[in-house]
Amino acid sequence: MRVLIAGCGDLGTEAGLRFAAAGFSVLGWRRSPENLPAPITGQAADLTGRTGELPRIPAGTDVVVIAVAAGERSEAAYRAAYVDGTANVLDALERDGVRPRRILFVSSTAVYGDADGGEVDEHTPPDPASVTGEVILEAERLLHDRRPDAVVLRLAGIYGPGRTRLIDTVSAGTAVVPAGTRLTNRIHRDDAAAAIVHLSTQVSHPDPLYVGVDEEPVELADVLQFLAAELRTELPAPSDSGSSRGGNRRISNRRLLGTGFEFAYPTFREGYRAVLAGTGVRHP
């Protein structure tokens, strides 16, 4: 059994290790593959196609995960990574005559708009509030036009090892505490990787779309207060100057849970405690 992870960054690497633990032979494509851990086989590849065509895809590849990331937050960078990258992977599959039984594309809840605090799920029409969200939605549609049986996994804000922005701002005293309502939706990196493997290997007839988010949409202020308590520090006074990126919405994970998926970190509390335990942060 073979898996190709096209875009084997932090999330793809964690998924790759889990695929390998499940008995798959894992090939990871990335620009600099030399640091990929065993048992992932690394191969240099530029998914944007700027440096030439993609490598040959091994015959008998069962699963392809497209987990790209843009080099910067601009329309051009997102288009090169998400739209061009997805098209180039599909072209390479056709070129090599490989038809995997499962293609999974890692997308983002950025394709949704503001819901004024209401619930959002897979039935909610997308309404991106940013040009980068529009580009990701374009990549989803390109994928389903060419492979209607492909699975799209829209992940909410990923946190975890190496993704400690909120922890860092609270620790440094620079956190911006919103004065009003600011709902956030998130998922631990390890649960995001586990969901990729689960949907690729454990679900016989998957839906074309899933949302990857943990069990508890929560006010950002509550997350910051929790982190401040864990770090035994104080937060600045609430401010209206914080970013509204992410929309005001409660994202539901009912469809993902309905497949039998179980979270290792069902809420931000378990997840951030695990991150703090691994960061070496010393409590006063």
Protein backbone atom coordinates (compact mmCIF):
# COMPACT_ATOMS: atom_id res chain seq x y z
CA MET A 1 0.00 0.00 0.00
CA ARG A 2 1.42 3.33 -1.07
CA VAL A 3 0.74 6.91 -0.08
CA LEU A 4 1.96 10.08 -1.78
CA ILE A 5 1.89 13.25 0.28
CA ALA A 6 2.19 16.17 -2.10
CA GLY A 7 3.30 19.02 0.11
CA CYS A 8 4.97 17.21 2.99
CA GLY A 9 5.38 20.08 5.44
CA ASP A 10 4.67 19.96 9.15
CA LEU A 11 1.11 18.66 8.83
CA GLY A 12 1.94 16.34 5.93
CA THR A 13 4.90 14.92 7.82
CA GLU A 14 2.77 14.13 10.88
CA ALA A 15 0.18 12.48 8.63
CA GLY A 16 2.94 10.58 6.82
CA LEU A 17 4.28 9.14 10.07
CA ARG A 18 0.78 7.98 10.94
CA PHE A 19 0.30 6.39 7.52
CA ALA A 20 3.61 4.59 7.95
CA ALA A 21 2.59 3.35 11.38
CA ALA A 22 -0.54 1.92 9.74
CA GLY A 23 1.59 -0.08 7.31
CA PHE A 24 1.73 2.21 4.27
CA SER A 25 4.82 2.97 2.22
CA VAL A 26 4.98 6.79 2.29
CA LEU A 27 6.52 9.10 -0.31
CA GLY A 28 6.73 12.77 0.62
CA TRP A 29 7.13 15.54 -1.95
CA ARG A 30 8.57 18.86 -0.86
CA ARG A 31 11.14 21.34 -2.07
CA SER A 32 13.70 20.30 0.56
CA PRO A 33 13.08 16.64 1.40
CA GLU A 34 16.37 15.87 3.09
CA ASN A 35 15.05 16.56 6.59
CA LEU A 36 12.00 14.33 6.37
CA PRO A 37 12.09 11.71 9.12
CA ALA A 38 12.18 8.00 8.53
CA PRO A 39 10.12 6.12 7.49
CA ILE A 40 8.96 8.76 5.00
CA THR A 41 10.84 8.62 1.71
CA GLY A 42 11.52 12.19 0.65
CA GLN A 43 11.66 13.40 -2.94
CA ALA A 44 12.35 16.91 -4.19
CA ALA A 45 9.35 18.44 -5.92
CA ASP A 46 8.07 21.95 -6.62
CA LEU A 47 4.31 21.57 -6.87
CA THR A 48 3.95 24.98 -8.52
CA GLY A 49 5.77 23.64 -11.59
CA ARG A 50 8.16 26.59 -11.72
CA THR A 51 11.24 24.36 -11.64
CA GLY A 52 10.08 21.67 -14.04
CA GLU A 53 7.67 18.79 -14.11
CA LEU A 54 6.85 16.73 -11.07
CA PRO A 55 8.59 13.40 -10.40
CA ARG A 56 7.09 10.15 -11.56
CA ILE A 57 4.37 8.77 -9.30
CA PRO A 58 4.91 5.12 -8.30
CA ALA A 59 2.50 2.64 -9.82
CA GLY A 60 0.02 1.29 -7.34
CA THR A 61 -0.19 4.47 -5.30
CA ASP A 62 -3.39 4.02 -3.28
CA VAL A 63 -3.75 7.39 -1.57
CA VAL A 64 -2.70 10.91 -2.57
CA VAL A 65 -2.84 13.70 -0.01
CA ILE A 66 -2.49 17.24 -1.34
CA ALA A 67 -1.38 19.38 1.60
CA VAL A 68 0.11 22.50 0.10
CA ALA A 69 1.08 25.73 1.84
CA ALA A 70 1.64 29.16 0.34
CA GLY A 71 5.00 30.81 0.82
CA GLU A 72 3.38 34.11 1.74
CA ARG A 73 -0.07 35.56 2.28
CA SER A 74 -0.70 36.94 -1.21
CA GLU A 75 -3.04 36.00 -4.04
CA ALA A 76 -0.14 35.05 -6.31
CA ALA A 77 1.47 32.78 -3.72
CA TYR A 78 -1.82 31.09 -2.86
CA ARG A 79 -2.69 30.59 -6.52
CA ALA A 80 0.68 29.03 -7.26
CA ALA A 81 0.42 26.68 -4.28
CA TYR A 82 -3.25 25.74 -4.21
CA VAL A 83 -4.57 26.05 -7.75
CA ASP A 84 -1.43 25.39 -9.79
CA GLY A 85 -0.15 22.84 -7.28
CA THR A 86 -3.38 20.84 -7.31
CA ALA A 87 -3.63 20.94 -11.09
CA ASN A 88 -0.03 19.82 -11.44
CA VAL A 89 -0.52 16.83 -9.12
CA LEU A 90 -3.61 15.77 -11.07
CA ASP A 91 -1.72 16.19 -14.34
CA ALA A 92 1.11 14.01 -13.01
CA LEU A 93 -1.36 11.28 -12.03
CA GLU A 94 -2.79 11.31 -15.54
CA ARG A 95 0.68 11.41 -17.12
CA ASP A 96 1.76 8.33 -15.19
CA GLY A 97 -1.52 6.44 -15.54
CA VAL A 98 -2.01 6.26 -11.78
CA ARG A 99 -5.54 6.37 -10.39
CA PRO A 100 -5.48 6.24 -6.60
CA ARG A 101 -8.58 5.03 -4.82
CA ARG A 102 -8.51 8.13 -2.61
CA ILE A 103 -7.39 11.72 -3.15
CA LEU A 104 -7.66 14.04 -0.15
CA PHE A 105 -7.15 17.78 -0.42
CA VAL A 106 -6.36 19.80 2.70
CA SER A 107 -8.38 22.99 2.52
CA SER A 108 -9.35 25.70 5.00
CA THR A 109 -12.41 27.07 6.75
CA ALA A 110 -11.29 30.41 5.30
CA VAL A 111 -13.70 29.63 2.45
CA TYR A 112 -16.61 30.43 4.81
CA GLY A 113 -17.86 33.92 5.54
CA ASP A 114 -18.96 35.57 8.74
CA ALA A 115 -22.00 33.88 10.28
CA ASP A 116 -22.76 36.46 13.00
CA GLY A 117 -22.16 33.82 15.64
CA GLY A 118 -24.27 31.18 13.88
CA GLU A 119 -23.41 27.58 13.09
CA VAL A 120 -21.46 26.63 9.98
CA ASP A 121 -21.10 23.13 8.54
CA GLU A 122 -20.57 21.32 5.23
CA HIS A 123 -23.97 22.48 3.98
CA THR A 124 -23.16 26.17 4.50
CA PRO A 125 -22.47 27.92 1.19
CA PRO A 126 -18.89 29.20 1.03
CA ASP A 127 -18.46 32.96 1.07
CA PRO A 128 -14.76 33.81 1.39
CA ALA A 129 -14.01 37.14 3.01
CA SER A 130 -10.48 37.28 1.55
CA VAL A 131 -8.89 36.78 -1.83
CA THR A 132 -6.80 33.94 -0.40
CA GLY A 133 -9.98 32.18 0.69
CA GLU A 134 -11.35 32.65 -2.82
CA VAL A 135 -8.24 31.01 -4.28
CA ILE A 136 -8.53 28.01 -1.94
CA LEU A 137 -12.18 27.60 -2.94
CA GLU A 138 -11.13 27.73 -6.60
CA ALA A 139 -8.68 24.89 -5.93
CA GLU A 140 -11.41 22.82 -4.28
CA ARG A 141 -13.65 23.25 -7.30
CA LEU A 142 -10.85 22.42 -9.72
CA LEU A 143 -10.21 19.20 -7.83
CA HIS A 144 -13.86 18.12 -7.78
CA ASP A 145 -14.30 19.01 -11.45
CA ARG A 146 -11.53 16.58 -12.33
CA ARG A 147 -11.99 14.01 -9.56
CA PRO A 148 -15.57 14.16 -8.26
CA ASP A 149 -14.76 11.35 -5.82
CA ALA A 150 -11.98 13.32 -4.12
CA VAL A 151 -12.32 14.31 -0.46
CA VAL A 152 -11.86 17.90 0.71
CA LEU A 153 -11.00 18.46 4.38
CA ARG A 154 -11.49 22.07 5.48
CA LEU A 155 -9.35 22.62 8.56
CA ALA A 156 -9.88 25.38 11.07
CA GLY A 157 -6.99 27.18 12.78
CA ILE A 158 -4.23 24.66 13.40
CA TYR A 159 -2.18 24.87 16.58
CA GLY A 160 0.30 22.48 18.15
CA PRO A 161 4.04 21.86 18.27
CA GLY A 162 5.79 24.76 16.56
CA ARG A 163 2.49 26.62 16.19
CA THR A 164 2.56 28.60 19.42
CA ARG A 165 1.65 32.13 18.31
CA LEU A 166 -1.05 32.62 20.97
CA ILE A 167 1.14 31.14 23.70
CA ASP A 168 4.00 33.41 22.66
CA THR A 169 1.87 36.56 22.74
CA VAL A 170 0.42 35.72 26.16
CA SER A 171 3.87 34.91 27.53
CA ALA A 172 5.30 38.16 26.12
CA GLY A 173 2.40 40.29 27.36
CA THR A 174 1.49 41.33 23.82
CA ALA A 175 -1.76 39.38 23.42
CA VAL A 176 -4.65 41.41 22.02
CA VAL A 177 -7.76 40.56 24.02
CA PRO A 178 -10.90 41.40 22.03
CA ALA A 179 -13.36 43.68 23.80
CA GLY A 180 -16.35 42.13 22.05
CA THR A 181 -17.44 38.77 20.74
CA ARG A 182 -14.77 36.95 18.73
CA LEU A 183 -15.48 33.28 18.22
CA THR A 184 -12.62 31.05 17.13
CA ASN A 185 -12.50 27.49 15.83
CA ARG A 186 -9.34 25.41 15.97
CA ILE A 187 -7.84 21.94 15.75
CA HIS A 188 -4.63 20.47 17.15
CA ARG A 189 -2.11 19.54 14.48
CA ASP A 190 -2.07 15.91 15.59
CA ASP A 191 -5.85 15.63 15.31
CA ALA A 192 -5.71 17.26 11.86
CA ALA A 193 -3.15 14.66 10.75
CA ALA A 194 -5.19 11.85 12.29
CA ALA A 195 -8.28 13.06 10.42
CA ILE A 196 -6.35 12.96 7.13
CA VAL A 197 -5.35 9.34 7.74
CA HIS A 198 -8.81 8.38 9.00
CA LEU A 199 -10.66 9.80 5.99
CA SER A 200 -8.12 8.28 3.60
CA THR A 201 -8.13 4.76 5.03
CA GLN A 202 -11.05 4.10 7.38
CA VAL A 203 -14.09 5.49 5.55
CA SER A 204 -15.33 3.30 2.71
CA HIS A 205 -17.65 5.78 1.03
CA PRO A 206 -16.68 9.25 2.19
CA ASP A 207 -18.59 12.43 1.51
CA PRO A 208 -16.86 14.89 -0.81
CA LEU A 209 -16.42 17.43 2.00
CA TYR A 210 -15.59 17.41 5.72
CA VAL A 211 -14.83 20.14 8.22
CA GLY A 212 -11.91 19.52 10.56
CA VAL A 213 -12.47 21.37 13.82
CA ASP A 214 -12.44 20.32 17.46
CA GLU A 215 -15.40 19.93 19.80
CA GLU A 216 -15.65 23.48 21.14
CA PRO A 217 -15.96 26.75 19.24
CA VAL A 218 -14.85 29.31 21.80
CA GLU A 219 -14.39 33.00 22.44
CA LEU A 220 -10.82 34.06 21.73
CA ALA A 221 -10.81 35.92 25.05
CA ASP A 222 -11.55 32.64 26.84
CA VAL A 223 -8.61 30.93 25.13
CA LEU A 224 -6.30 33.78 26.10
CA GLN A 225 -7.56 33.75 29.69
CA PHE A 226 -6.95 30.00 29.85
CA LEU A 227 -3.40 30.37 28.56
CA ALA A 228 -2.70 33.24 30.95
CA ALA A 229 -3.87 31.09 33.86
CA GLU A 230 -1.71 28.17 32.71
CA LEU A 231 1.30 30.47 32.34
CA ARG A 232 0.48 32.30 35.57
CA THR A 233 0.60 35.68 33.97
CA GLU A 234 -1.75 38.62 33.40
CA LEU A 235 -3.43 39.71 30.18
CA PRO A 236 -3.59 43.27 28.87
CA ALA A 237 -6.91 45.08 29.05
CA PRO A 238 -9.43 44.20 26.30
CA SER A 239 -9.05 46.15 23.07
CA ASP A 240 -11.07 46.73 19.92
CA SER A 241 -7.92 46.71 17.78
CA GLY A 242 -7.66 42.96 17.26
CA SER A 243 -7.93 41.31 13.87
CA SER A 244 -11.33 39.90 12.91
CA ARG A 245 -9.76 37.29 10.65
CA GLY A 246 -11.55 33.96 10.94
CA GLY A 247 -15.11 35.25 11.02
CA ASN A 248 -17.63 35.05 13.83
CA ARG A 249 -18.99 31.53 13.50
CA ARG A 250 -19.44 28.22 15.30
CA ILE A 251 -18.16 25.45 13.04
CA SER A 252 -19.68 22.01 13.51
CA ASN A 253 -17.74 18.74 13.25
CA ARG A 254 -20.78 16.44 13.28
CA ARG A 255 -20.04 14.93 9.87
CA LEU A 256 -16.46 14.04 10.81
CA LEU A 257 -17.57 12.56 14.14
CA GLY A 258 -20.20 10.55 12.26
CA THR A 259 -17.41 8.61 10.52
CA GLY A 260 -16.21 7.28 13.86
CA PHE A 261 -13.33 9.73 14.24
CA GLU A 262 -12.20 10.43 17.81
CA PHE A 263 -10.22 13.46 18.92
CA ALA A 264 -7.10 13.14 21.03
CA TYR A 265 -7.59 16.80 21.96
CA PRO A 266 -11.33 17.47 21.90
CA THR A 267 -10.98 21.07 23.12
CA PHE A 268 -8.33 23.76 23.26
CA ARG A 269 -7.73 22.97 26.94
CA GLU A 270 -6.32 19.48 26.40
CA GLY A 271 -4.51 20.60 23.27
CA TYR A 272 -2.80 23.66 24.69
CA ARG A 273 -1.85 21.84 27.89
CA ALA A 274 -0.08 19.27 25.72
CA VAL A 275 1.67 22.01 23.77
CA LEU A 276 2.75 23.80 26.96
CA ALA A 277 4.09 20.56 28.37
CA GLY A 278 6.34 20.26 25.32
CA THR A 279 7.49 23.86 24.97
CA GLY A 280 9.70 24.00 28.02
CA VAL A 281 7.88 27.11 29.24
CA ARG A 282 8.72 27.53 32.93
CA HIS A 283 5.91 28.62 35.19
CA PRO A 284 6.91 31.12 37.85
